[in-house]
Protein backbone atom coordinates (compact mmCIF):
# COMPACT_ATOMS: atom_id res chain seq x y z
CA MET A 1 -5.68 -1.85 -13.93
CA ARG A 2 -3.44 -4.34 -12.07
CA ILE A 3 -0.23 -5.17 -13.95
CA ALA A 4 1.63 -8.26 -12.76
CA ARG A 5 4.95 -9.81 -13.69
CA TYR A 6 4.84 -13.57 -13.26
CA THR A 7 6.08 -16.97 -14.28
CA THR A 8 4.46 -20.35 -14.80
CA GLY A 9 7.87 -22.02 -14.77
CA GLU A 10 9.14 -20.47 -17.98
CA ASP A 11 10.48 -17.00 -18.85
CA PRO A 12 8.77 -14.12 -16.98
CA SER A 13 5.66 -12.66 -18.58
CA TYR A 14 3.45 -9.65 -17.91
CA GLY A 15 -0.28 -9.74 -17.52
CA VAL A 16 -3.38 -7.92 -16.32
CA VAL A 17 -4.94 -9.33 -13.17
CA GLU A 18 -8.70 -9.57 -13.57
CA GLY A 19 -11.56 -10.87 -11.45
CA ASP A 20 -12.83 -10.70 -7.91
CA PRO A 21 -10.77 -11.84 -4.87
CA GLY A 22 -10.40 -15.59 -4.93
CA GLN A 23 -11.33 -15.81 -8.60
CA GLU A 24 -8.56 -13.78 -10.22
CA VAL A 25 -6.97 -14.71 -13.51
CA VAL A 26 -3.90 -13.26 -15.21
CA ALA A 27 -4.47 -12.23 -18.82
CA GLN A 28 -1.07 -12.31 -20.53
CA VAL A 29 0.08 -9.29 -22.56
CA GLN A 30 2.77 -8.91 -25.18
CA GLY A 31 6.14 -7.56 -24.03
CA ASP A 32 6.61 -5.10 -21.17
CA PRO A 33 3.63 -2.76 -20.73
CA LEU A 34 5.94 -0.07 -19.39
CA TYR A 35 7.24 0.37 -22.92
CA GLN A 36 4.38 -0.55 -25.23
CA PRO A 37 0.59 -0.48 -25.30
CA ILE A 38 -1.39 -3.30 -23.71
CA VAL A 39 -1.98 -6.04 -26.29
CA PHE A 40 -3.45 -9.29 -24.97
CA THR A 41 -2.09 -12.61 -26.24
CA GLY A 42 -5.28 -14.52 -25.44
CA GLU A 43 -3.62 -16.69 -22.78
CA ARG A 44 -5.34 -16.61 -19.39
CA VAL A 45 -4.08 -18.38 -16.27
CA PRO A 46 -5.68 -18.59 -12.81
CA LEU A 47 -3.73 -16.41 -10.41
CA GLU A 48 -3.26 -19.32 -8.03
CA GLN A 49 -1.32 -21.18 -10.72
CA VAL A 50 1.37 -18.53 -11.28
CA ARG A 51 4.30 -17.34 -9.25
CA LEU A 52 4.21 -13.58 -8.91
CA LEU A 53 7.55 -11.79 -9.37
CA ALA A 54 8.57 -8.25 -8.48
CA PRO A 55 6.26 -6.26 -10.76
CA VAL A 56 9.16 -4.09 -11.92
CA ILE A 57 12.94 -4.42 -11.79
CA PRO A 58 14.19 -0.83 -11.96
CA ARG A 59 16.61 -0.48 -14.82
CA SER A 60 18.11 2.62 -13.24
CA LYS A 61 17.39 3.18 -9.54
CA VAL A 62 15.23 3.00 -6.47
CA ILE A 63 14.89 6.27 -4.58
CA GLY A 64 13.98 6.06 -0.92
CA ILE A 65 12.46 8.81 1.17
CA GLY A 66 13.35 8.90 4.86
CA ARG A 67 11.22 10.08 7.77
CA ASN A 68 8.25 11.16 5.68
CA TYR A 69 5.73 10.46 8.45
CA ALA A 70 6.03 12.67 11.53
CA ASP A 71 5.15 9.86 13.94
CA HIS A 72 7.86 7.63 12.47
CA ALA A 73 10.43 10.44 12.56
CA ARG A 74 9.71 10.89 16.26
CA GLU A 75 9.87 7.18 17.06
CA MET A 76 13.32 7.22 15.47
CA GLY A 77 14.36 10.05 17.76
CA GLY A 78 14.04 13.07 15.47
CA GLU A 79 11.71 15.50 13.79
CA PRO A 80 10.49 15.45 10.19
CA PRO A 81 13.01 16.99 7.77
CA ALA A 82 12.45 20.41 6.27
CA ARG A 83 12.91 18.92 2.80
CA PRO A 84 12.49 15.36 1.49
CA MET A 85 15.34 13.17 2.69
CA MET A 86 16.41 11.03 -0.26
CA PHE A 87 18.68 8.01 -0.54
CA LEU A 88 19.53 5.63 -3.39
CA VAL A 89 19.11 1.85 -3.42
CA PRO A 90 20.60 -0.51 -6.04
CA ASN A 91 18.17 -2.52 -8.14
CA THR A 92 19.84 -5.71 -6.90
CA ALA A 93 17.98 -5.16 -3.61
CA VAL A 94 14.60 -5.77 -5.30
CA VAL A 95 12.77 -9.07 -4.84
CA GLY A 96 9.14 -10.06 -5.28
CA PRO A 97 6.18 -11.33 -3.30
CA GLY A 98 6.88 -14.59 -1.51
CA ASP A 99 10.63 -14.30 -1.99
CA PRO A 100 12.75 -14.75 1.13
CA ILE A 101 14.38 -11.71 2.69
CA VAL A 102 17.87 -12.79 3.71
CA LEU A 103 19.02 -11.28 6.99
CA PRO A 104 22.53 -10.00 6.26
CA ALA A 105 25.50 -11.50 8.05
CA GLY A 106 26.98 -8.96 10.43
CA SER A 107 23.71 -7.23 11.29
CA SER A 108 21.61 -8.12 14.33
CA GLU A 109 18.96 -5.38 14.09
CA VAL A 110 16.88 -5.68 10.93
CA SER A 111 13.43 -4.06 10.76
CA TYR A 112 10.46 -3.83 8.39
CA GLU A 113 8.91 -0.65 6.95
CA ALA A 114 5.57 -0.76 5.11
CA GLU A 115 5.46 1.76 2.27
CA LEU A 116 3.61 2.93 -0.81
CA ALA A 117 5.91 2.76 -3.85
CA VAL A 118 5.60 4.94 -6.97
CA VAL A 119 6.59 3.45 -10.34
CA ILE A 120 7.73 5.97 -12.96
CA GLY A 121 6.38 5.47 -16.48
CA ARG A 122 8.30 7.92 -18.66
CA ILE A 123 11.52 9.96 -18.73
CA ALA A 124 11.08 12.86 -16.34
CA LYS A 125 13.26 15.80 -15.39
CA ASP A 126 12.30 18.93 -13.44
CA VAL A 127 8.63 17.94 -13.33
CA PRO A 128 6.36 20.45 -11.57
CA PRO A 129 4.05 18.88 -8.95
CA GLU A 130 0.92 19.51 -11.00
CA ARG A 131 2.33 17.44 -13.90
CA VAL A 132 3.51 14.47 -11.83
CA PRO A 133 0.48 12.32 -12.82
CA GLU A 134 1.77 12.46 -16.40
CA VAL A 135 5.00 10.62 -15.47
CA VAL A 136 3.64 8.08 -12.94
CA TYR A 137 2.88 4.62 -14.32
CA GLY A 138 1.34 3.28 -11.13
CA TYR A 139 1.79 2.19 -7.54
CA THR A 140 2.75 -0.93 -5.63
CA CYS A 141 3.55 -2.07 -2.08
CA ALA A 142 7.08 -2.05 -0.70
CA ASN A 143 8.90 -3.18 2.41
CA ASP A 144 11.87 -0.87 3.06
CA VAL A 145 13.82 -3.44 5.08
CA THR A 146 16.59 -1.74 7.05
CA ALA A 147 19.63 -2.91 9.04
CA ARG A 148 19.39 -0.43 11.92
CA ASP A 149 22.82 -1.16 13.37
CA TRP A 150 24.46 -0.56 9.99
CA GLN A 151 22.40 2.61 9.62
CA ARG A 152 23.82 3.92 12.89
CA ASP A 153 27.37 2.74 12.26
CA ASP A 154 27.73 4.01 8.69
CA GLY A 155 26.17 7.45 9.06
CA GLN A 156 24.66 7.06 5.59
CA TRP A 157 22.13 4.51 4.48
CA ALA A 158 23.43 2.77 1.35
CA ARG A 159 24.45 -0.50 3.01
CA ALA A 160 21.71 -0.49 5.64
CA LYS A 161 18.91 -0.10 3.10
CA GLY A 162 20.49 -1.47 -0.06
CA PHE A 163 21.67 -4.98 0.81
CA ASP A 164 20.45 -7.85 -1.37
CA THR A 165 16.73 -8.78 -0.93
CA SER A 166 16.03 -5.69 1.20
CA LYS A 167 13.43 -4.14 -1.12
CA PRO A 168 10.55 -6.50 -1.85
CA LEU A 169 7.92 -5.04 -4.19
CA GLY A 170 4.48 -6.32 -5.17
CA PRO A 171 2.15 -7.99 -5.59
CA TRP A 172 1.44 -5.96 -8.76
CA ILE A 173 1.26 -2.38 -10.05
CA VAL A 174 -2.07 -0.55 -9.89
CA THR A 175 -2.18 2.08 -12.63
CA ASP A 176 -5.28 4.10 -11.66
CA LEU A 177 -5.28 5.04 -8.00
CA ASP A 178 -5.86 8.14 -5.89
CA VAL A 179 -3.08 7.90 -3.30
CA ALA A 180 -3.97 10.97 -1.22
CA ASP A 181 -5.49 8.98 1.66
CA LEU A 182 -4.73 5.24 1.58
CA ALA A 183 -4.24 2.95 4.56
CA VAL A 184 -0.68 1.62 4.90
CA ARG A 185 -0.34 -1.34 7.27
CA SER A 186 2.07 -4.06 8.26
CA THR A 187 1.69 -7.24 10.26
CA LEU A 188 4.38 -9.39 11.86
CA ASP A 189 3.32 -13.04 12.04
CA GLY A 190 -0.29 -11.89 11.75
CA GLU A 191 -0.10 -9.20 14.44
CA THR A 192 -0.69 -5.61 13.31
CA ARG A 193 2.40 -3.44 13.83
CA GLN A 194 1.80 -0.41 11.57
CA ASP A 195 -1.52 1.22 10.73
CA GLY A 196 -1.14 4.60 9.04
CA THR A 197 -2.42 6.57 6.08
CA THR A 198 -0.75 8.34 3.20
CA ALA A 199 -2.69 11.46 4.24
CA ASP A 200 -0.15 11.77 7.07
CA MET A 201 2.86 12.03 4.76
CA VAL A 202 4.95 15.12 5.44
CA PHE A 203 5.52 15.43 1.66
CA ASP A 204 2.87 14.04 -0.67
CA VAL A 205 3.53 12.01 -3.83
CA PRO A 206 3.50 14.97 -6.28
CA THR A 207 5.99 16.81 -4.09
CA LEU A 208 8.28 13.78 -3.78
CA VAL A 209 8.35 12.97 -7.49
CA SER A 210 8.89 16.60 -8.42
CA TYR A 211 11.68 16.99 -5.85
CA ALA A 212 13.42 13.78 -6.97
CA SER A 213 13.18 14.78 -10.64
CA ALA A 214 14.98 18.03 -9.86
CA ALA A 215 18.01 16.03 -8.72
CA PHE A 216 17.86 12.92 -10.91
CA THR A 217 16.51 12.20 -14.35
CA LEU A 218 13.79 9.63 -13.69
CA LEU A 219 13.55 6.75 -16.15
CA PRO A 220 10.70 4.32 -16.88
CA GLY A 221 10.68 1.66 -14.19
CA ASP A 222 12.38 3.77 -11.55
CA VAL A 223 10.75 3.35 -8.16
CA ILE A 224 10.28 5.93 -5.40
CA LEU A 225 9.54 4.67 -1.89
CA THR A 226 7.46 7.24 -0.02
CA GLY A 227 8.23 6.62 3.65
CA THR A 228 6.69 4.57 6.44
CA PRO A 229 4.29 5.26 9.32
CA ALA A 230 5.16 4.59 12.96
CA GLY A 231 5.35 1.07 14.35
CA VAL A 232 8.53 -0.29 12.79
CA GLY A 233 10.25 -3.07 14.69
CA LEU A 234 12.85 -5.79 14.53
CA VAL A 235 12.43 -9.18 12.86
CA GLU A 236 14.07 -12.56 13.29
CA ALA A 237 14.62 -15.48 10.96
CA GLY A 238 11.41 -17.39 10.32
CA GLN A 239 9.10 -14.43 10.86
CA ARG A 240 6.65 -13.27 8.18
CA VAL A 241 5.83 -9.65 7.37
CA GLU A 242 2.81 -8.58 5.35
CA VAL A 243 2.60 -5.08 3.89
CA GLU A 244 -0.84 -3.91 2.83
CA VAL A 245 -1.64 -0.73 0.94
CA GLU A 246 -5.30 0.06 0.47
CA GLY A 247 -6.40 -0.24 -3.15
CA ILE A 248 -3.35 -2.29 -4.13
CA GLY A 249 -3.10 -5.51 -2.15
CA THR A 250 -0.77 -7.36 0.18
CA LEU A 251 2.95 -8.10 -0.13
CA THR A 252 4.14 -11.06 1.95
CA ASN A 253 7.73 -12.13 2.65
CA THR A 254 9.44 -14.34 5.18
CA PHE A 255 12.83 -13.57 6.70
CA VAL A 256 15.59 -16.17 6.63
CA ARG A 257 19.23 -16.38 7.66
CA ARG A 258 21.80 -18.18 5.55
């Protein structure tokens, strides 16, 4: 099931995206499906007539995982960590598909990172890996936009990875998906830059969710970013990045400077 958050010009709504590519419609549901069963209102709108929003705005936190692909760790000048490398991102960094990513003043080295994102569906603490499917609501695409110069200068990653608009999510949440071996790709102005697979993660999704839940109580709507394959690079104002995760879809954003 594909769960979207969208607007037709009024207050945001949630809906189920149905139909084949090019013929999709959004079937509106009552309330937030993270917190209540799916109940359709009967309203159906062609997908092309809605504006998709970030499919979830974490009420608590976004948890990032660094260097979770060996090839990316090496391109950044290091080796994969012995344990998952976690960092926190404020929910104010989250934007949706089509939203502009604002290059922050004071940084001249901003890069894209295509990632699979995990959306938590229920309160979870100290979850063993084998029970992780019970607490996962679904999956979406993410771009873990990073100010590399700030990352070097600060020594920790809060500012570099948490500035406003740095965490686009979308286009929707897919609730039933085997994420063991999915293609994760990015393009910059139509040119392929990253082409990896979740099978190459150093730590798989069950391990990551279990590890994070040992440190933090996970709440419904929390998001865990799972790392990026090799091929990251710098972007400039006016350039467009597309993140594609197999089985989910494509997240597109353009970078601007204000």
